[in-house]
Amino acid sequence: MKLIILDRDGVINFDSDKCIKSPDEWKPIPGSLEAVARLNQNGYRVVVASNQSGVGRGLFNMATLNTIHSKMHKALAQFGGRIDAVFYCPHSAESGCECRKPKTGLFLQIAERFHADLDGVPAIGDSLRDLQAAVEVGCQPMLVETGKGRKTIGAGGIPKGTLVFPDLAAAVDELLGST
């Protein structure tokens, strides 16, 4: 089984410093939905691992998060794409939970659910915490410049071996060996 782990905000859809709090605020980054569909067409199981602290901070509730994800799934289906599972951390940064990236809880849940060894599995994010969690479990960290990606590059401290791409579509081109 080929598996890939994607962050949501800043990788699949545009991010917001104020958090994506409603389905109306969820807008796909150009080319991202097609990129996910191409992954599916090439045998990849696509899984999302996303910090969603807005739930824990009371900015939106679980029903709203589910509606946002439903919009994402429907948008992907229009391009023949799908997300096989969405794993998210609803806790605030102060909670100290094990599932909030840069901790590895979400990745370990993915490994368990899919009976997968994460060694070398591509993990694409736009923040340092995405990369740190990926490295900790042996994934291949990949950074996109969309979302917080450029700011992440500017701040430095990117883990050694991280591959950097302009966006998800470019990362998928590289993974699939096409340009």
Protein backbone atom coordinates (compact mmCIF):
# COMPACT_ATOMS: atom_id res chain seq x y z
CA MET A 1 0.00 0.00 0.00
CA LYS A 2 1.25 3.46 -0.91
CA LEU A 3 0.37 6.00 1.75
CA ILE A 4 0.79 9.77 1.89
CA ILE A 5 0.01 12.12 4.78
CA LEU A 6 -1.06 15.69 4.11
CA ASP A 7 -1.66 18.62 6.39
CA ARG A 8 -4.93 20.37 5.48
CA ASP A 9 -4.70 24.15 5.96
CA GLY A 10 -1.98 25.65 3.79
CA VAL A 11 -1.49 22.46 1.77
CA ILE A 12 -4.92 21.52 0.36
CA ASN A 13 -6.73 24.76 1.12
CA PHE A 14 -5.74 28.34 1.79
CA ASP A 15 -4.86 28.99 5.42
CA SER A 16 -5.85 31.91 7.62
CA ASP A 17 -4.03 33.42 10.60
CA LYS A 18 -7.46 33.51 12.23
CA CYS A 19 -8.19 29.82 11.56
CA ILE A 20 -10.59 28.30 9.02
CA LYS A 21 -13.81 28.51 11.07
CA SER A 22 -16.57 27.83 8.54
CA PRO A 23 -17.20 26.00 5.27
CA ASP A 24 -17.34 29.38 3.49
CA GLU A 25 -13.73 30.06 4.59
CA TRP A 26 -12.49 26.73 3.19
CA LYS A 27 -11.13 27.45 -0.30
CA PRO A 28 -8.86 25.02 -2.18
CA ILE A 29 -5.43 26.11 -3.34
CA PRO A 30 -5.38 25.99 -7.16
CA GLY A 31 -4.18 22.59 -8.36
CA SER A 32 -4.44 20.88 -4.95
CA LEU A 33 -7.64 18.95 -5.62
CA GLU A 34 -6.32 17.69 -8.94
CA ALA A 35 -3.07 16.71 -7.20
CA VAL A 36 -4.95 14.58 -4.66
CA ALA A 37 -6.91 12.95 -7.48
CA ARG A 38 -3.65 12.12 -9.28
CA LEU A 39 -2.31 10.52 -6.11
CA ASN A 40 -5.46 8.39 -5.88
CA GLN A 41 -5.20 7.43 -9.56
CA ASN A 42 -1.63 6.27 -8.91
CA GLY A 43 -2.57 3.99 -6.04
CA TYR A 44 -1.94 6.26 -3.05
CA ARG A 45 -4.08 6.22 0.07
CA VAL A 46 -4.32 9.90 0.99
CA VAL A 47 -4.70 10.75 4.66
CA VAL A 48 -4.98 14.15 6.33
CA ALA A 49 -3.34 14.91 9.70
CA SER A 50 -4.39 18.35 10.89
CA ASN A 51 -4.26 20.43 14.06
CA GLN A 52 -7.71 21.96 14.52
CA SER A 53 -7.31 23.95 17.73
CA GLY A 54 -10.25 26.15 16.79
CA VAL A 55 -12.49 23.45 18.29
CA GLY A 56 -10.61 23.50 21.60
CA ARG A 57 -10.56 27.29 21.63
CA GLY A 58 -14.31 27.47 21.05
CA LEU A 59 -14.04 29.19 17.65
CA PHE A 60 -16.19 26.49 16.03
CA ASN A 61 -17.73 23.18 17.06
CA MET A 62 -17.40 19.60 15.84
CA ALA A 63 -20.47 19.91 13.62
CA THR A 64 -18.83 22.83 11.81
CA LEU A 65 -15.54 20.93 11.46
CA ASN A 66 -17.46 18.00 9.97
CA THR A 67 -19.21 20.37 7.55
CA ILE A 68 -15.86 21.84 6.49
CA HIS A 69 -14.52 18.34 5.85
CA SER A 70 -17.69 17.41 3.96
CA LYS A 71 -17.10 20.41 1.66
CA MET A 72 -13.50 19.24 1.12
CA HIS A 73 -14.63 15.69 0.29
CA LYS A 74 -17.28 16.93 -2.17
CA ALA A 75 -14.82 19.30 -3.85
CA LEU A 76 -12.31 16.46 -4.26
CA ALA A 77 -14.96 14.13 -5.68
CA GLN A 78 -15.55 16.61 -8.52
CA PHE A 79 -11.98 15.87 -9.65
CA GLY A 80 -12.19 12.13 -9.01
CA GLY A 81 -10.19 12.45 -5.81
CA ARG A 82 -10.73 11.34 -2.26
CA ILE A 83 -9.23 11.54 1.20
CA ASP A 84 -9.20 8.08 2.75
CA ALA A 85 -9.27 9.42 6.32
CA VAL A 86 -9.00 12.69 8.22
CA PHE A 87 -7.17 12.63 11.54
CA TYR A 88 -7.30 15.83 13.54
CA CYS A 89 -6.34 17.22 16.91
CA PRO A 90 -9.17 19.36 18.32
CA HIS A 91 -7.16 20.50 21.33
CA SER A 92 -5.70 23.92 22.03
CA ALA A 93 -1.94 24.43 22.03
CA GLU A 94 -1.98 24.70 25.83
CA SER A 95 -3.60 21.29 26.34
CA GLY A 96 -0.33 19.36 26.10
CA CYS A 97 -2.06 16.49 24.30
CA GLU A 98 -0.11 13.85 22.39
CA CYS A 99 -2.05 14.28 19.14
CA ARG A 100 -1.16 17.93 18.46
CA LYS A 101 1.69 18.27 16.00
CA PRO A 102 4.68 18.50 16.49
CA LYS A 103 3.91 15.53 18.75
CA THR A 104 3.37 12.28 16.89
CA GLY A 105 -0.04 11.11 18.11
CA LEU A 106 -1.87 11.70 14.82
CA PHE A 107 0.83 9.91 12.86
CA LEU A 108 0.78 6.96 15.25
CA GLN A 109 -3.01 6.76 14.91
CA ILE A 110 -2.61 6.69 11.12
CA ALA A 111 -0.01 3.91 11.33
CA GLU A 112 -2.30 1.87 13.55
CA ARG A 113 -5.46 2.39 11.48
CA PHE A 114 -3.74 1.55 8.19
CA HIS A 115 -1.41 -1.13 9.62
CA ALA A 116 1.41 0.83 8.03
CA ASP A 117 5.10 1.31 8.67
CA LEU A 118 5.59 5.08 8.30
CA ASP A 119 9.27 4.80 7.41
CA GLY A 120 9.75 6.85 4.23
CA VAL A 121 6.04 7.71 3.85
CA PRO A 122 5.75 11.19 2.29
CA ALA A 123 4.31 13.73 4.74
CA ILE A 124 3.52 17.14 3.27
CA GLY A 125 2.99 20.22 5.40
CA ASP A 126 3.53 23.95 5.49
CA SER A 127 4.83 24.40 9.04
CA LEU A 128 7.80 23.34 11.10
CA ARG A 129 5.57 21.33 13.43
CA ASP A 130 4.31 19.26 10.46
CA LEU A 131 7.91 18.48 9.51
CA GLN A 132 8.98 17.73 13.08
CA ALA A 133 6.17 15.21 13.59
CA ALA A 134 6.96 13.57 10.25
CA VAL A 135 10.67 13.21 11.02
CA GLU A 136 9.98 11.81 14.49
CA VAL A 137 8.06 8.84 13.03
CA GLY A 138 10.39 8.28 10.06
CA CYS A 139 8.29 9.88 7.33
CA GLN A 140 9.87 11.76 4.43
CA PRO A 141 9.20 15.43 5.31
CA MET A 142 8.04 17.61 2.45
CA LEU A 143 7.38 21.34 2.78
CA VAL A 144 5.15 23.37 0.49
CA GLU A 145 5.66 27.13 0.15
CA THR A 146 1.90 27.73 0.27
CA GLY A 147 0.15 28.56 3.54
CA LYS A 148 2.82 29.22 6.16
CA GLY A 149 5.52 27.54 4.06
CA ARG A 150 7.48 30.61 3.02
CA LYS A 151 7.43 31.91 6.60
CA THR A 152 8.61 28.47 7.79
CA ILE A 153 11.54 28.58 5.37
CA GLY A 154 12.42 32.10 6.49
CA ALA A 155 12.43 31.11 10.16
CA GLY A 156 14.97 28.34 9.53
CA GLY A 157 15.39 25.10 11.45
CA ILE A 158 13.96 22.94 8.68
CA PRO A 159 14.84 19.29 9.38
CA LYS A 160 17.66 17.87 7.27
CA GLY A 161 16.38 15.94 4.26
CA THR A 162 13.18 17.98 3.92
CA LEU A 163 12.12 18.39 0.30
CA VAL A 164 10.68 21.80 -0.59
CA PHE A 165 8.10 22.50 -3.31
CA PRO A 166 6.11 25.54 -4.44
CA ASP A 167 2.79 23.76 -3.76
CA LEU A 168 1.08 20.38 -3.45
CA ALA A 169 0.78 19.98 -7.22
CA ALA A 170 4.57 20.35 -7.63
CA ALA A 171 5.22 17.89 -4.81
CA VAL A 172 2.89 15.35 -6.44
CA ASP A 173 4.60 15.89 -9.80
CA GLU A 174 7.89 14.94 -8.15
CA LEU A 175 6.42 11.93 -6.35
CA LEU A 176 4.82 10.61 -9.51
CA GLY A 177 7.88 11.36 -11.65
CA SER A 178 6.20 13.85 -13.96
CA THR A 179 6.71 17.53 -14.59
